[in-house]
Amino acid sequence: MRYTQEILEELNVLCLFNLATTQEGIKVHSSADPAKIAAVSRLHERGLVTQPDGGYLTGLGHDAAVQAQDLLMILTTAPTTTS
């Protein structure tokens, strides 16, 4: 299985959330990139965010966002060398 462009867009949206608080959500405006609008809508259909235009993370959405942000951190951190 490979990451599709749609999945990458969804992962990018999940990386926008501030995981330090549950009191902060996101809003994707109608003037945003259509791919981002569609990604948020799909996340809502899957029960990961509370609103079709963003809102807050659900419990499942929080778990997914943690994983997405952790993966991004791992992949963007400079490799360590072992001797």
N, C-alpha and C. Protein backbone atom coordinates (compact mmCIF):
# COMPACT_ATOMS: atom_id res chain seq x y z
N MET A 1 0.85 -1.17 0.00
CA MET A 1 0.00 0.00 0.00
C MET A 1 0.90 1.24 0.00
N ARG A 2 0.49 2.25 -0.73
CA ARG A 2 1.25 3.48 -0.84
C ARG A 2 0.40 4.67 -0.38
N TYR A 3 1.08 5.73 0.00
CA TYR A 3 0.37 6.97 0.30
C TYR A 3 -0.11 7.58 -1.01
N THR A 4 -1.39 7.87 -1.08
CA THR A 4 -1.94 8.57 -2.24
C THR A 4 -1.85 10.07 -1.98
N GLN A 5 -2.08 10.86 -2.99
CA GLN A 5 -2.08 12.31 -2.81
C GLN A 5 -3.17 12.73 -1.82
N GLU A 6 -4.31 12.05 -1.86
CA GLU A 6 -5.39 12.36 -0.92
C GLU A 6 -4.98 12.09 0.52
N ILE A 7 -4.32 10.97 0.75
CA ILE A 7 -3.86 10.64 2.10
C ILE A 7 -2.81 11.65 2.56
N LEU A 8 -1.91 12.04 1.66
CA LEU A 8 -0.90 13.04 2.03
C LEU A 8 -1.56 14.36 2.42
N GLU A 9 -2.59 14.75 1.70
CA GLU A 9 -3.32 15.97 2.06
C GLU A 9 -3.96 15.84 3.44
N GLU A 10 -4.52 14.69 3.74
CA GLU A 10 -5.13 14.46 5.05
C GLU A 10 -4.08 14.50 6.15
N LEU A 11 -2.93 13.90 5.90
CA LEU A 11 -1.84 13.93 6.89
C LEU A 11 -1.38 15.37 7.12
N ASN A 12 -1.30 16.15 6.05
CA ASN A 12 -0.90 17.55 6.18
C ASN A 12 -1.90 18.32 7.04
N VAL A 13 -3.17 18.05 6.86
CA VAL A 13 -4.19 18.72 7.69
C VAL A 13 -4.03 18.30 9.15
N LEU A 14 -3.84 17.03 9.40
CA LEU A 14 -3.67 16.56 10.78
C LEU A 14 -2.46 17.20 11.45
N CYS A 15 -1.46 17.55 10.66
CA CYS A 15 -0.26 18.20 11.21
C CYS A 15 -0.50 19.67 11.55
N LEU A 16 -1.63 20.23 11.17
CA LEU A 16 -1.94 21.62 11.50
C LEU A 16 -2.45 21.79 12.93
N PHE A 17 -2.92 20.71 13.53
CA PHE A 17 -3.52 20.81 14.85
C PHE A 17 -2.47 20.95 15.94
N ASN A 18 -2.77 21.79 16.92
CA ASN A 18 -1.93 21.97 18.09
C ASN A 18 -2.31 20.88 19.10
N LEU A 19 -1.42 19.94 19.31
CA LEU A 19 -1.73 18.82 20.19
C LEU A 19 -1.54 19.15 21.67
N ALA A 20 -1.04 20.34 21.95
CA ALA A 20 -0.83 20.73 23.34
C ALA A 20 -2.13 21.10 24.05
N THR A 21 -3.20 21.30 23.27
CA THR A 21 -4.48 21.68 23.86
C THR A 21 -5.64 21.08 23.06
N THR A 22 -6.71 20.79 23.75
CA THR A 22 -7.92 20.33 23.06
C THR A 22 -8.86 21.49 22.79
N GLN A 23 -8.48 22.68 23.23
CA GLN A 23 -9.34 23.86 23.10
C GLN A 23 -9.06 24.66 21.83
N GLU A 24 -8.18 24.16 20.99
CA GLU A 24 -7.81 24.88 19.76
C GLU A 24 -8.08 23.98 18.56
N GLY A 25 -8.91 24.47 17.66
CA GLY A 25 -9.22 23.72 16.45
C GLY A 25 -8.69 24.45 15.22
N ILE A 26 -9.15 24.04 14.07
CA ILE A 26 -8.79 24.72 12.83
C ILE A 26 -10.06 25.00 12.04
N LYS A 27 -9.98 25.95 11.14
CA LYS A 27 -11.09 26.26 10.23
C LYS A 27 -10.48 26.39 8.85
N VAL A 28 -10.97 25.59 7.92
CA VAL A 28 -10.52 25.67 6.53
C VAL A 28 -11.59 26.46 5.78
N HIS A 29 -11.23 27.63 5.36
CA HIS A 29 -12.17 28.54 4.70
C HIS A 29 -12.49 28.07 3.28
N SER A 30 -13.60 28.53 2.78
CA SER A 30 -14.04 28.14 1.43
C SER A 30 -13.09 28.64 0.35
N SER A 31 -12.27 29.62 0.67
CA SER A 31 -11.29 30.13 -0.30
C SER A 31 -9.96 29.39 -0.26
N ALA A 32 -9.85 28.39 0.61
CA ALA A 32 -8.61 27.61 0.73
C ALA A 32 -8.43 26.72 -0.50
N ASP A 33 -7.25 26.13 -0.58
CA ASP A 33 -6.94 25.19 -1.65
C ASP A 33 -8.00 24.08 -1.68
N PRO A 34 -8.58 23.80 -2.85
CA PRO A 34 -9.62 22.76 -2.93
C PRO A 34 -9.18 21.40 -2.39
N ALA A 35 -7.91 21.07 -2.55
CA ALA A 35 -7.42 19.78 -2.03
C ALA A 35 -7.49 19.75 -0.51
N LYS A 36 -7.19 20.88 0.13
CA LYS A 36 -7.25 20.95 1.59
C LYS A 36 -8.70 20.89 2.07
N ILE A 37 -9.59 21.57 1.36
CA ILE A 37 -11.02 21.53 1.70
C ILE A 37 -11.53 20.09 1.62
N ALA A 38 -11.17 19.39 0.56
CA ALA A 38 -11.60 18.00 0.38
C ALA A 38 -11.01 17.10 1.46
N ALA A 39 -9.75 17.35 1.82
CA ALA A 39 -9.09 16.53 2.84
C ALA A 39 -9.80 16.67 4.19
N VAL A 40 -10.14 17.88 4.56
CA VAL A 40 -10.84 18.10 5.83
C VAL A 40 -12.22 17.44 5.80
N SER A 41 -12.88 17.53 4.68
CA SER A 41 -14.19 16.89 4.54
C SER A 41 -14.07 15.37 4.72
N ARG A 42 -13.05 14.77 4.13
CA ARG A 42 -12.84 13.32 4.29
C ARG A 42 -12.53 12.96 5.73
N LEU A 43 -11.72 13.79 6.39
CA LEU A 43 -11.42 13.53 7.80
C LEU A 43 -12.69 13.60 8.65
N HIS A 44 -13.58 14.52 8.31
CA HIS A 44 -14.85 14.62 9.02
C HIS A 44 -15.71 13.39 8.77
N GLU A 45 -15.76 12.94 7.52
CA GLU A 45 -16.55 11.74 7.19
C GLU A 45 -16.04 10.52 7.94
N ARG A 46 -14.75 10.46 8.20
CA ARG A 46 -14.16 9.34 8.94
C ARG A 46 -14.24 9.50 10.45
N GLY A 47 -14.76 10.64 10.90
CA GLY A 47 -14.92 10.86 12.33
C GLY A 47 -13.66 11.34 13.04
N LEU A 48 -12.73 11.95 12.31
CA LEU A 48 -11.50 12.42 12.93
C LEU A 48 -11.57 13.88 13.36
N VAL A 49 -12.43 14.67 12.71
CA VAL A 49 -12.65 16.07 13.11
C VAL A 49 -14.15 16.29 13.27
N THR A 50 -14.49 17.31 14.05
CA THR A 50 -15.89 17.51 14.43
C THR A 50 -16.74 18.22 13.40
N GLN A 51 -16.13 18.94 12.47
CA GLN A 51 -16.88 19.72 11.49
C GLN A 51 -16.35 19.46 10.08
N PRO A 52 -17.18 19.60 9.06
CA PRO A 52 -16.73 19.39 7.68
C PRO A 52 -15.67 20.39 7.23
N ASP A 53 -15.57 21.52 7.95
CA ASP A 53 -14.55 22.52 7.60
C ASP A 53 -13.45 22.59 8.66
N GLY A 54 -13.34 21.56 9.46
CA GLY A 54 -12.28 21.48 10.47
C GLY A 54 -12.83 21.24 11.85
N GLY A 55 -12.88 22.30 12.64
CA GLY A 55 -13.36 22.15 14.01
C GLY A 55 -12.27 21.58 14.89
N TYR A 56 -12.66 20.68 15.76
CA TYR A 56 -11.74 20.09 16.73
C TYR A 56 -11.49 18.63 16.38
N LEU A 57 -10.40 18.11 16.91
CA LEU A 57 -10.12 16.68 16.75
C LEU A 57 -11.03 15.87 17.65
N THR A 58 -11.49 14.74 17.15
CA THR A 58 -12.19 13.77 18.00
C THR A 58 -11.11 12.96 18.71
N GLY A 59 -11.51 12.03 19.53
CA GLY A 59 -10.53 11.15 20.18
C GLY A 59 -9.69 10.40 19.15
N LEU A 60 -10.37 9.82 18.18
CA LEU A 60 -9.67 9.11 17.11
C LEU A 60 -8.79 10.07 16.30
N GLY A 61 -9.31 11.27 16.05
CA GLY A 61 -8.55 12.26 15.32
C GLY A 61 -7.29 12.68 16.06
N HIS A 62 -7.41 12.81 17.38
CA HIS A 62 -6.23 13.16 18.18
C HIS A 62 -5.17 12.07 18.05
N ASP A 63 -5.59 10.82 18.16
CA ASP A 63 -4.64 9.71 18.01
C ASP A 63 -3.96 9.74 16.65
N ALA A 64 -4.74 10.00 15.60
CA ALA A 64 -4.21 10.06 14.25
C ALA A 64 -3.25 11.24 14.09
N ALA A 65 -3.61 12.39 14.66
CA ALA A 65 -2.76 13.57 14.56
C ALA A 65 -1.43 13.36 15.27
N VAL A 66 -1.47 12.70 16.42
CA VAL A 66 -0.23 12.38 17.14
C VAL A 66 0.67 11.53 16.25
N GLN A 67 0.09 10.50 15.66
CA GLN A 67 0.88 9.62 14.79
C GLN A 67 1.42 10.37 13.58
N ALA A 68 0.58 11.19 12.95
CA ALA A 68 1.00 11.94 11.76
C ALA A 68 2.13 12.91 12.11
N GLN A 69 1.99 13.61 13.23
CA GLN A 69 3.01 14.57 13.61
C GLN A 69 4.30 13.89 14.05
N ASP A 70 4.18 12.76 14.73
CA ASP A 70 5.37 12.00 15.11
C ASP A 70 6.11 11.49 13.87
N LEU A 71 5.37 10.97 12.91
CA LEU A 71 5.99 10.48 11.68
C LEU A 71 6.69 11.61 10.94
N LEU A 72 6.04 12.75 10.85
CA LEU A 72 6.66 13.90 10.18
C LEU A 72 7.95 14.31 10.89
N MET A 73 7.94 14.31 12.21
CA MET A 73 9.14 14.66 12.97
C MET A 73 10.26 13.67 12.71
N ILE A 74 9.94 12.40 12.69
CA ILE A 74 10.96 11.37 12.43
C ILE A 74 11.56 11.54 11.04
N LEU A 75 10.71 11.79 10.06
CA LEU A 75 11.17 11.86 8.67
C LEU A 75 11.89 13.16 8.35
N THR A 76 11.68 14.21 9.14
CA THR A 76 12.32 15.49 8.86
C THR A 76 13.49 15.80 9.76
N THR A 77 13.77 14.92 10.71
CA THR A 77 14.90 15.11 11.61
C THR A 77 16.16 14.56 10.95
N ALA A 78 17.24 15.27 11.12
CA ALA A 78 18.51 14.81 10.55
C ALA A 78 18.87 13.44 11.13
N PRO A 79 19.37 12.56 10.29
CA PRO A 79 19.73 11.22 10.78
C PRO A 79 20.88 11.29 11.77
N THR A 80 20.83 10.39 12.73
CA THR A 80 21.93 10.28 13.67
C THR A 80 22.92 9.26 13.13
N THR A 81 24.16 9.49 13.40
CA THR A 81 25.18 8.54 12.94
C THR A 81 25.60 7.70 14.12
N THR A 82 25.85 6.46 13.85
CA THR A 82 26.33 5.55 14.89
C THR A 82 27.75 5.15 14.55
N SER A 83 28.56 5.02 15.55
CA SER A 83 29.96 4.66 15.32
C SER A 83 30.23 3.25 15.77
